[in-house]
PDB file of all heavy atoms in Angstrom:
ATOM      1  N   PRO A   1      -1.795   6.907   4.857  1.00  0.00           N
ATOM      2  CA  PRO A   1      -1.996   5.937   3.779  1.00  0.00           C
ATOM      3  C   PRO A   1      -2.143   6.646   2.435  1.00  0.00           C
ATOM      4  O   PRO A   1      -2.745   7.710   2.333  1.00  0.00           O
ATOM      5  CB  PRO A   1      -3.305   5.233   4.185  1.00  0.00           C
ATOM      6  CG  PRO A   1      -3.982   6.172   5.136  1.00  0.00           C
ATOM      7  CD  PRO A   1      -2.886   6.895   5.847  1.00  0.00           C
ATOM      8  N   ARG A   2      -1.556   6.020   1.431  1.00  0.00           N
ATOM      9  CA  ARG A   2      -1.609   6.617   0.096  1.00  0.00           C
ATOM     10  C   ARG A   2      -3.014   6.471  -0.484  1.00  0.00           C
ATOM     11  O   ARG A   2      -3.828   5.691   0.006  1.00  0.00           O
ATOM     12  CB  ARG A   2      -0.606   5.938  -0.818  1.00  0.00           C
ATOM     13  CG  ARG A   2      -0.837   4.454  -0.968  1.00  0.00           C
ATOM     14  CD  ARG A   2       0.194   3.814  -1.872  1.00  0.00           C
ATOM     15  NE  ARG A   2      -0.006   2.383  -1.964  1.00  0.00           N
ATOM     16  CZ  ARG A   2      -0.888   1.805  -2.770  1.00  0.00           C
ATOM     17  NH1 ARG A   2      -1.673   2.563  -3.549  1.00  0.00           N
ATOM     18  NH2 ARG A   2      -1.025   0.501  -2.807  1.00  0.00           N
ATOM     19  N   ARG A   3      -3.247   7.199  -1.530  1.00  0.00           N
ATOM     20  CA  ARG A   3      -4.552   7.157  -2.182  1.00  0.00           C
ATOM     21  C   ARG A   3      -4.752   5.813  -2.882  1.00  0.00           C
ATOM     22  O   ARG A   3      -3.869   5.325  -3.597  1.00  0.00           O
ATOM     23  CB  ARG A   3      -4.657   8.293  -3.210  1.00  0.00           C
ATOM     24  CG  ARG A   3      -6.015   8.380  -3.899  1.00  0.00           C
ATOM     25  CD  ARG A   3      -6.039   9.566  -4.840  1.00  0.00           C
ATOM     26  NE  ARG A   3      -7.329   9.693  -5.503  1.00  0.00           N
ATOM     27  CZ  ARG A   3      -7.619  10.630  -6.390  1.00  0.00           C
ATOM     28  NH1 ARG A   3      -6.693  11.559  -6.691  1.00  0.00           N
ATOM     29  NH2 ARG A   3      -8.806  10.669  -6.951  1.00  0.00           N
ATOM     30  N   ALA A   4      -5.887   5.204  -2.659  1.00  0.00           N
ATOM     31  CA  ALA A   4      -6.155   3.891  -3.240  1.00  0.00           C
ATOM     32  C   ALA A   4      -6.399   4.010  -4.731  1.00  0.00           C
ATOM     33  O   ALA A   4      -6.993   4.977  -5.214  1.00  0.00           O
ATOM     34  CB  ALA A   4      -7.354   3.257  -2.558  1.00  0.00           C
ATOM     35  N   SER A   5      -5.920   3.035  -5.458  1.00  0.00           N
ATOM     36  CA  SER A   5      -6.112   3.017  -6.909  1.00  0.00           C
ATOM     37  C   SER A   5      -7.475   2.429  -7.253  1.00  0.00           C
ATOM     38  O   SER A   5      -8.135   1.791  -6.423  1.00  0.00           O
ATOM     39  CB  SER A   5      -5.009   2.198  -7.579  1.00  0.00           C
ATOM     40  OG  SER A   5      -5.086   0.837  -7.166  1.00  0.00           O
ATOM     41  N   VAL A   6      -7.881   2.632  -8.499  1.00  0.00           N
ATOM     42  CA  VAL A   6      -9.151   2.077  -8.965  1.00  0.00           C
ATOM     43  C   VAL A   6      -9.108   0.549  -8.904  1.00  0.00           C
ATOM     44  O   VAL A   6     -10.109  -0.105  -8.569  1.00  0.00           O
ATOM     45  CB  VAL A   6      -9.439   2.557 -10.387  1.00  0.00           C
ATOM     46  CG1 VAL A   6     -10.733   1.914 -10.920  1.00  0.00           C
ATOM     47  CG2 VAL A   6      -9.563   4.077 -10.438  1.00  0.00           C
ATOM     48  N   ALA A   7      -7.940  -0.018  -9.216  1.00  0.00           N
ATOM     49  CA  ALA A   7      -7.815  -1.474  -9.188  1.00  0.00           C
ATOM     50  C   ALA A   7      -8.011  -2.027  -7.775  1.00  0.00           C
ATOM     51  O   ALA A   7      -8.627  -3.077  -7.599  1.00  0.00           O
ATOM     52  CB  ALA A   7      -6.439  -1.882  -9.723  1.00  0.00           C
ATOM     53  N   GLU A   8      -7.507  -1.324  -6.758  1.00  0.00           N
ATOM     54  CA  GLU A   8      -7.660  -1.779  -5.376  1.00  0.00           C
ATOM     55  C   GLU A   8      -9.123  -1.739  -4.946  1.00  0.00           C
ATOM     56  O   GLU A   8      -9.620  -2.661  -4.295  1.00  0.00           O
ATOM     57  CB  GLU A   8      -6.814  -0.917  -4.434  1.00  0.00           C
ATOM     58  CG  GLU A   8      -5.320  -1.154  -4.578  1.00  0.00           C
ATOM     59  CD  GLU A   8      -4.510  -0.225  -3.690  1.00  0.00           C
ATOM     60  OE1 GLU A   8      -4.853   0.975  -3.603  1.00  0.00           O
ATOM     61  OE2 GLU A   8      -3.539  -0.693  -3.085  1.00  0.00           O
ATOM     62  N   ILE A   9      -9.807  -0.657  -5.298  1.00  0.00           N
ATOM     63  CA  ILE A   9     -11.228  -0.538  -4.941  1.00  0.00           C
ATOM     64  C   ILE A   9     -12.038  -1.597  -5.672  1.00  0.00           C
ATOM     65  O   ILE A   9     -12.927  -2.244  -5.089  1.00  0.00           O
ATOM     66  CB  ILE A   9     -11.739   0.871  -5.280  1.00  0.00           C
ATOM     67  CG1 ILE A   9     -10.992   1.910  -4.431  1.00  0.00           C
ATOM     68  CG2 ILE A   9     -13.243   0.970  -5.042  1.00  0.00           C
ATOM     69  CD1 ILE A   9     -11.366   3.346  -4.758  1.00  0.00           C
ATOM     70  N   THR A  10     -11.716  -1.823  -6.945  1.00  0.00           N
ATOM     71  CA  THR A  10     -12.413  -2.855  -7.720  1.00  0.00           C
ATOM     72  C   THR A  10     -12.198  -4.225  -7.104  1.00  0.00           C
ATOM     73  O   THR A  10     -13.153  -5.026  -7.003  1.00  0.00           O
ATOM     74  CB  THR A  10     -11.905  -2.845  -9.174  1.00  0.00           C
ATOM     75  OG1 THR A  10     -12.159  -1.569  -9.763  1.00  0.00           O
ATOM     76  CG2 THR A  10     -12.611  -3.919  -9.997  1.00  0.00           C
ATOM     77  N   GLU A  11     -10.987  -4.506  -6.667  1.00  0.00           N
ATOM     78  CA  GLU A  11     -10.690  -5.798  -6.051  1.00  0.00           C
ATOM     79  C   GLU A  11     -11.469  -5.974  -4.751  1.00  0.00           C
ATOM     80  O   GLU A  11     -11.961  -7.077  -4.455  1.00  0.00           O
ATOM     81  CB  GLU A  11      -9.191  -5.912  -5.791  1.00  0.00           C
ATOM     82  CG  GLU A  11      -8.739  -7.275  -5.337  1.00  0.00           C
ATOM     83  CD  GLU A  11      -8.925  -8.344  -6.397  1.00  0.00           C
ATOM     84  OE1 GLU A  11      -8.944  -8.001  -7.589  1.00  0.00           O
ATOM     85  OE2 GLU A  11      -9.071  -9.526  -6.011  1.00  0.00           O
ATOM     86  N   ASN A  12     -11.591  -4.913  -3.975  1.00  0.00           N
ATOM     87  CA  ASN A  12     -12.346  -4.993  -2.721  1.00  0.00           C
ATOM     88  C   ASN A  12     -13.832  -5.255  -2.983  1.00  0.00           C
ATOM     89  O   ASN A  12     -14.492  -5.950  -2.211  1.00  0.00           O
ATOM     90  CB  ASN A  12     -12.175  -3.707  -1.910  1.00  0.00           C
ATOM     91  CG  ASN A  12     -10.804  -3.603  -1.278  1.00  0.00           C
ATOM     92  OD1 ASN A  12     -10.177  -4.617  -0.987  1.00  0.00           O
ATOM     93  ND2 ASN A  12     -10.331  -2.390  -1.068  1.00  0.00           N
ATOM     94  N   VAL A  13     -14.339  -4.680  -4.059  1.00  0.00           N
ATOM     95  CA  VAL A  13     -15.741  -4.926  -4.416  1.00  0.00           C
ATOM     96  C   VAL A  13     -15.938  -6.373  -4.863  1.00  0.00           C
ATOM     97  O   VAL A  13     -16.884  -7.048  -4.442  1.00  0.00           O
ATOM     98  CB  VAL A  13     -16.190  -3.954  -5.531  1.00  0.00           C
ATOM     99  CG1 VAL A  13     -17.603  -4.306  -5.999  1.00  0.00           C
ATOM    100  CG2 VAL A  13     -16.159  -2.513  -5.036  1.00  0.00           C
ATOM    101  N   LEU A  14     -15.017  -6.857  -5.691  1.00  0.00           N
ATOM    102  CA  LEU A  14     -15.131  -8.236  -6.185  1.00  0.00           C
ATOM    103  C   LEU A  14     -14.991  -9.251  -5.054  1.00  0.00           C
ATOM    104  O   LEU A  14     -15.573 -10.338  -5.125  1.00  0.00           O
ATOM    105  CB  LEU A  14     -14.070  -8.492  -7.265  1.00  0.00           C
ATOM    106  CG  LEU A  14     -14.273  -7.745  -8.582  1.00  0.00           C
ATOM    107  CD1 LEU A  14     -13.111  -8.030  -9.527  1.00  0.00           C
ATOM    108  CD2 LEU A  14     -15.587  -8.130  -9.234  1.00  0.00           C
ATOM    109  N   ASP A  15     -14.224  -8.907  -4.022  1.00  0.00           N
ATOM    110  CA  ASP A  15     -14.074  -9.815  -2.882  1.00  0.00           C
ATOM    111  C   ASP A  15     -15.387 -10.017  -2.145  1.00  0.00           C
ATOM    112  O   ASP A  15     -15.567 -11.045  -1.467  1.00  0.00           O
ATOM    113  CB  ASP A  15     -13.024  -9.262  -1.902  1.00  0.00           C
ATOM    114  CG  ASP A  15     -11.619  -9.402  -2.445  1.00  0.00           C
ATOM    115  OD1 ASP A  15     -11.409 -10.182  -3.380  1.00  0.00           O
ATOM    116  OD2 ASP A  15     -10.728  -8.691  -1.933  1.00  0.00           O
ATOM    117  N   ARG A  16     -16.293  -9.076  -2.273  1.00  0.00           N
ATOM    118  CA  ARG A  16     -17.582  -9.146  -1.573  1.00  0.00           C
ATOM    119  C   ARG A  16     -18.714  -9.579  -2.503  1.00  0.00           C
ATOM    120  O   ARG A  16     -19.873  -9.589  -2.096  1.00  0.00           O
ATOM    121  CB  ARG A  16     -17.901  -7.791  -0.940  1.00  0.00           C
ATOM    122  CG  ARG A  16     -16.967  -7.422   0.199  1.00  0.00           C
ATOM    123  CD  ARG A  16     -16.974  -5.939   0.491  1.00  0.00           C
ATOM    124  NE  ARG A  16     -16.169  -5.605   1.657  1.00  0.00           N
ATOM    125  CZ  ARG A  16     -14.843  -5.534   1.666  1.00  0.00           C
ATOM    126  NH1 ARG A  16     -14.175  -5.784   0.566  1.00  0.00           N
ATOM    127  NH2 ARG A  16     -14.184  -5.233   2.773  1.00  0.00           N
ATOM    128  N   LEU A  17     -18.367  -9.912  -3.743  1.00  0.00           N
ATOM    129  CA  LEU A  17     -19.362 -10.296  -4.746  1.00  0.00           C
ATOM    130  C   LEU A  17     -19.349 -11.813  -4.953  1.00  0.00           C
ATOM    131  O   LEU A  17     -18.299 -12.441  -4.993  1.00  0.00           O
ATOM    132  CB  LEU A  17     -19.051  -9.595  -6.072  1.00  0.00           C
ATOM    133  CG  LEU A  17     -19.811 -10.081  -7.314  1.00  0.00           C
ATOM    134  CD1 LEU A  17     -21.299  -9.764  -7.195  1.00  0.00           C
ATOM    135  CD2 LEU A  17     -19.225  -9.461  -8.575  1.00  0.00           C
ATOM    136  N   SER A  18     -20.550 -12.367  -5.089  1.00  0.00           N
ATOM    137  CA  SER A  18     -20.698 -13.786  -5.412  1.00  0.00           C
ATOM    138  C   SER A  18     -21.774 -13.922  -6.489  1.00  0.00           C
ATOM    139  O   SER A  18     -22.880 -13.378  -6.345  1.00  0.00           O
ATOM    140  CB  SER A  18     -21.085 -14.586  -4.169  1.00  0.00           C
ATOM    141  OG  SER A  18     -21.295 -15.947  -4.490  1.00  0.00           O
ATOM    142  N   VAL A  19     -21.429 -14.608  -7.561  1.00  0.00           N
ATOM    143  CA  VAL A  19     -22.352 -14.806  -8.688  1.00  0.00           C
ATOM    144  C   VAL A  19     -22.405 -16.296  -9.022  1.00  0.00           C
ATOM    145  O   VAL A  19     -21.347 -16.930  -9.185  1.00  0.00           O
ATOM    146  CB  VAL A  19     -21.913 -14.003  -9.924  1.00  0.00           C
ATOM    147  CG1 VAL A  19     -22.902 -14.213 -11.078  1.00  0.00           C
ATOM    148  CG2 VAL A  19     -21.802 -12.512  -9.591  1.00  0.00           C
ATOM    149  N   TYR A  20     -23.593 -16.845  -9.123  1.00  0.00           N
ATOM    150  CA  TYR A  20     -23.711 -18.257  -9.456  1.00  0.00           C
ATOM    151  C   TYR A  20     -25.069 -18.521 -10.104  1.00  0.00           C
ATOM    152  O   TYR A  20     -26.021 -17.756  -9.946  1.00  0.00           O
ATOM    153  CB  TYR A  20     -23.549 -19.132  -8.204  1.00  0.00           C
ATOM    154  CG  TYR A  20     -24.557 -18.852  -7.118  1.00  0.00           C
ATOM    155  CD1 TYR A  20     -25.737 -19.586  -7.006  1.00  0.00           C
ATOM    156  CD2 TYR A  20     -24.344 -17.825  -6.184  1.00  0.00           C
ATOM    157  CE1 TYR A  20     -26.663 -19.313  -6.019  1.00  0.00           C
ATOM    158  CE2 TYR A  20     -25.260 -17.563  -5.182  1.00  0.00           C
ATOM    159  CZ  TYR A  20     -26.406 -18.309  -5.108  1.00  0.00           C
ATOM    160  OH  TYR A  20     -27.333 -18.034  -4.134  1.00  0.00           O
ATOM    161  N   ARG A  21     -25.133 -19.622 -10.816  1.00  0.00           N
ATOM    162  CA  ARG A  21     -26.364 -20.032 -11.481  1.00  0.00           C
ATOM    163  C   ARG A  21     -27.249 -20.795 -10.512  1.00  0.00           C
ATOM    164  O   ARG A  21     -26.771 -21.636  -9.737  1.00  0.00           O
ATOM    165  CB  ARG A  21     -26.039 -20.898 -12.696  1.00  0.00           C
ATOM    166  CG  ARG A  21     -27.257 -21.342 -13.488  1.00  0.00           C
ATOM    167  CD  ARG A  21     -26.852 -22.279 -14.607  1.00  0.00           C
ATOM    168  NE  ARG A  21     -27.992 -22.706 -15.402  1.00  0.00           N
ATOM    169  CZ  ARG A  21     -27.937 -23.629 -16.372  1.00  0.00           C
ATOM    170  NH1 ARG A  21     -26.764 -24.200 -16.647  1.00  0.00           N
ATOM    171  NH2 ARG A  21     -29.011 -23.958 -17.036  1.00  0.00           N
ATOM    172  N   ARG A  22     -28.534 -20.532 -10.557  1.00  0.00           N
ATOM    173  CA  ARG A  22     -29.501 -21.213  -9.699  1.00  0.00           C
ATOM    174  C   ARG A  22     -29.902 -22.545 -10.320  1.00  0.00           C
ATOM    175  O   ARG A  22     -30.754 -22.626 -11.198  1.00  0.00           O
ATOM    176  CB  ARG A  22     -30.747 -20.336  -9.537  1.00  0.00           C
ATOM    177  CG  ARG A  22     -30.609 -19.244  -8.498  1.00  0.00           C
ATOM    178  CD  ARG A  22     -30.701 -19.822  -7.118  1.00  0.00           C
ATOM    179  NE  ARG A  22     -30.823 -18.801  -6.076  1.00  0.00           N
ATOM    180  CZ  ARG A  22     -30.963 -19.075  -4.812  1.00  0.00           C
ATOM    181  NH1 ARG A  22     -31.001 -20.316  -4.401  1.00  0.00           N
ATOM    182  NH2 ARG A  22     -31.050 -18.101  -3.920  1.00  0.00           N
ATOM    183  N   GLY A  23     -29.253 -23.594  -9.845  1.00  0.00           N
ATOM    184  CA  GLY A  23     -29.590 -24.920 -10.348  1.00  0.00           C
ATOM    185  C   GLY A  23     -29.412 -25.037 -11.843  1.00  0.00           C
ATOM    186  O   GLY A  23     -28.394 -24.626 -12.400  1.00  0.00           O
ATOM    187  N   GLU A  24     -30.423 -25.598 -12.520  1.00  0.00           N
ATOM    188  CA  GLU A  24     -30.404 -25.746 -13.975  1.00  0.00           C
ATOM    189  C   GLU A  24     -31.246 -24.694 -14.659  1.00  0.00           C
ATOM    190  O   GLU A  24     -31.546 -24.824 -15.853  1.00  0.00           O
ATOM    191  CB  GLU A  24     -30.909 -27.158 -14.343  1.00  0.00           C
ATOM    192  CG  GLU A  24     -30.092 -28.289 -13.763  1.00  0.00           C
ATOM    193  CD  GLU A  24     -28.651 -28.278 -14.273  1.00  0.00           C
ATOM    194  OE1 GLU A  24     -28.455 -27.905 -15.437  1.00  0.00           O
ATOM    195  OE2 GLU A  24     -27.751 -28.642 -13.504  1.00  0.00           O
ATOM    196  N   SER A  25     -31.638 -23.670 -13.919  1.00  0.00           N
ATOM    197  CA  SER A  25     -32.517 -22.652 -14.494  1.00  0.00           C
ATOM    198  C   SER A  25     -31.717 -21.594 -15.251  1.00  0.00           C
ATOM    199  O   SER A  25     -30.486 -21.644 -15.333  1.00  0.00           O
ATOM    200  CB  SER A  25     -33.321 -21.985 -13.372  1.00  0.00           C
ATOM    201  OG  SER A  25     -32.444 -21.256 -12.527  1.00  0.00           O
ATOM    202  N   ARG A  26     -32.444 -20.620 -15.793  1.00  0.00           N
ATOM    203  CA  ARG A  26     -31.827 -19.493 -16.465  1.00  0.00           C
ATOM    204  C   ARG A  26     -31.507 -18.357 -15.487  1.00  0.00           C
ATOM    205  O   ARG A  26     -31.064 -17.296 -15.909  1.00  0.00           O
ATOM    206  CB  ARG A  26     -32.764 -18.942 -17.543  1.00  0.00           C
ATOM    207  CG  ARG A  26     -33.135 -19.915 -18.644  1.00  0.00           C
ATOM    208  CD  ARG A  26     -34.157 -19.249 -19.571  1.00  0.00           C
ATOM    209  NE  ARG A  26     -34.572 -20.143 -20.624  1.00  0.00           N
ATOM    210  CZ  ARG A  26     -33.938 -20.273 -21.790  1.00  0.00           C
ATOM    211  NH1 ARG A  26     -32.860 -19.559 -22.003  1.00  0.00           N
ATOM    212  NH2 ARG A  26     -34.389 -21.106 -22.706  1.00  0.00           N
ATOM    213  N   VAL A  27     -31.742 -18.570 -14.227  1.00  0.00           N
ATOM    214  CA  VAL A  27     -31.599 -17.523 -13.217  1.00  0.00           C
ATOM    215  C   VAL A  27     -30.174 -17.480 -12.695  1.00  0.00           C
ATOM    216  O   VAL A  27     -29.582 -18.513 -12.359  1.00  0.00           O
ATOM    217  CB  VAL A  27     -32.584 -17.732 -12.058  1.00  0.00           C
ATOM    218  CG1 VAL A  27     -32.386 -16.686 -10.978  1.00  0.00           C
ATOM    219  CG2 VAL A  27     -34.014 -17.698 -12.582  1.00  0.00           C
ATOM    220  N   ILE A  28     -29.621 -16.259 -12.629  1.00  0.00           N
ATOM    221  CA  ILE A  28     -28.312 -16.021 -12.057  1.00  0.00           C
ATOM    222  C   ILE A  28     -28.497 -15.205 -10.787  1.00  0.00           C
ATOM    223  O   ILE A  28     -29.180 -14.175 -10.798  1.00  0.00           O
ATOM    224  CB  ILE A  28     -27.383 -15.277 -13.040  1.00  0.00           C
ATOM    225  CG1 ILE A  28     -27.056 -16.187 -14.225  1.00  0.00           C
ATOM    226  CG2 ILE A  28     -26.097 -14.839 -12.351  1.00  0.00           C
ATOM    227  CD1 ILE A  28     -26.156 -15.528 -15.241  1.00  0.00           C
ATOM    228  N   ALA A  29     -27.912 -15.674  -9.704  1.00  0.00           N
ATOM    229  CA  ALA A  29     -27.995 -14.976  -8.418  1.00  0.00           C
ATOM    230  C   ALA A  29     -26.773 -14.077  -8.241  1.00  0.00           C
ATOM    231  O   ALA A  29     -25.641 -14.495  -8.496  1.00  0.00           O
ATOM    232  CB  ALA A  29     -28.084 -15.967  -7.273  1.00  0.00           C
ATOM    233  N   ILE A  30     -27.029 -12.850  -7.813  1.00  0.00           N
ATOM    234  CA  ILE A  30     -25.966 -11.871  -7.544  1.00  0.00           C
ATOM    235  C   ILE A  30     -26.070 -11.494  -6.068  1.00  0.00           C
ATOM    236  O   ILE A  30     -27.067 -10.925  -5.640  1.00  0.00           O
ATOM    237  CB  ILE A  30     -26.127 -10.614  -8.419  1.00  0.00           C
ATOM    238  CG1 ILE A  30     -26.107 -10.991  -9.900  1.00  0.00           C
ATOM    239  CG2 ILE A  30     -25.037  -9.600  -8.114  1.00  0.00           C
ATOM    240  CD1 ILE A  30     -26.439  -9.824 -10.827  1.00  0.00           C
ATOM    241  N   SER A  31     -25.061 -11.813  -5.303  1.00  0.00           N
ATOM    242  CA  SER A  31     -25.096 -11.519  -3.872  1.00  0.00           C
ATOM    243  C   SER A  31     -23.872 -10.707  -3.469  1.00  0.00           C
ATOM    244  O   SER A  31     -22.778 -10.895  -4.021  1.00  0.00           O
ATOM    245  CB  SER A  31     -25.173 -12.796  -3.040  1.00  0.00           C
ATOM    246  OG  SER A  31     -23.990 -13.569  -3.206  1.00  0.00           O
ATOM    247  N   PHE A  32     -24.077  -9.829  -2.490  1.00  0.00           N
ATOM    248  CA  PHE A  32     -23.000  -9.006  -1.949  1.00  0.00           C
ATOM    249  C   PHE A  32     -22.974  -9.170  -0.441  1.00  0.00           C
ATOM    250  O   PHE A  32     -24.019  -9.284   0.206  1.00  0.00           O
ATOM    251  CB  PHE A  32     -23.193  -7.528  -2.302  1.00  0.00           C
ATOM    252  CG  PHE A  32     -22.514  -7.117  -3.580  1.00  0.00           C
ATOM    253  CD1 PHE A  32     -23.211  -7.080  -4.764  1.00  0.00           C
ATOM    254  CD2 PHE A  32     -21.167  -6.761  -3.582  1.00  0.00           C
ATOM    255  CE1 PHE A  32     -22.596  -6.708  -5.949  1.00  0.00           C
ATOM    256  CE2 PHE A  32     -20.537  -6.384  -4.756  1.00  0.00           C
ATOM    257  CZ  PHE A  32     -21.245  -6.359  -5.945  1.00  0.00           C
ATOM    258  N   THR A  33     -21.764  -9.147   0.106  1.00  0.00           N
ATOM    259  CA  THR A  33     -21.555  -9.174   1.550  1.00  0.00           C
ATOM    260  C   THR A  33     -21.045  -7.829   2.010  1.00  0.00           C
ATOM    261  O   THR A  33     -20.143  -7.252   1.393  1.00  0.00           O
ATOM    262  CB  THR A  33     -20.530 -10.266   1.922  1.00  0.00           C
ATOM    263  OG1 THR A  33     -20.996 -11.527   1.461  1.00  0.00           O
ATOM    264  CG2 THR A  33     -20.344 -10.315   3.437  1.00  0.00           C
ATOM    265  N   SER A  34     -21.610  -7.320   3.103  1.00  0.00           N
ATOM    266  CA  SER A  34     -21.209  -6.006   3.615  1.00  0.00           C
ATOM    267  C   SER A  34     -21.410  -5.972   5.122  1.00  0.00           C
ATOM    268  O   SER A  34     -22.156  -6.784   5.681  1.00  0.00           O
ATOM    269  CB  SER A  34     -22.011  -4.883   2.948  1.00  0.00           C
ATOM    270  OG  SER A  34     -21.698  -3.619   3.496  1.00  0.00           O
ATOM    271  N   THR A  35     -20.745  -5.017   5.753  1.00  0.00           N
ATOM    272  CA  THR A  35     -20.935  -4.827   7.195  1.00  0.00           C
ATOM    273  C   THR A  35     -22.211  -4.045   7.490  1.00  0.00           C
ATOM    274  O   THR A  35     -22.551  -3.875   8.653  1.00  0.00           O
ATOM    275  CB  THR A  35     -19.730  -4.079   7.786  1.00  0.00           C
ATOM    276  OG1 THR A  35     -19.543  -2.841   7.062  1.00  0.00           O
ATOM    277  CG2 THR A  35     -18.456  -4.899   7.652  1.00  0.00           C
ATOM    278  N   ASP A  36     -22.894  -3.606   6.465  1.00  0.00           N
ATOM    279  CA  ASP A  36     -24.142  -2.859   6.618  1.00  0.00           C
ATOM    280  C   ASP A  36     -25.219  -3.571   5.805  1.00  0.00           C
ATOM    281  O   ASP A  36     -25.043  -3.823   4.606  1.00  0.00           O
ATOM    282  CB  ASP A  36     -23.982  -1.413   6.147  1.00  0.00           C
ATOM    283  CG  ASP A  36     -25.240  -0.595   6.377  1.00  0.00           C
ATOM    284  OD1 ASP A  36     -26.090  -0.559   5.474  1.00  0.00           O
ATOM    285  OD2 ASP A  36     -25.368   0.015   7.455  1.00  0.00           O
TER     286      ASP A  36
END
């Protein structure tokens, strides 16, 4: 396999990232999914 580009690694990270606002508050939740 060829060497992965920065864009590919970035895309893989973003695929495991979820960001959303908590209700009507000022709080933003940042969650990550991983096999570990």
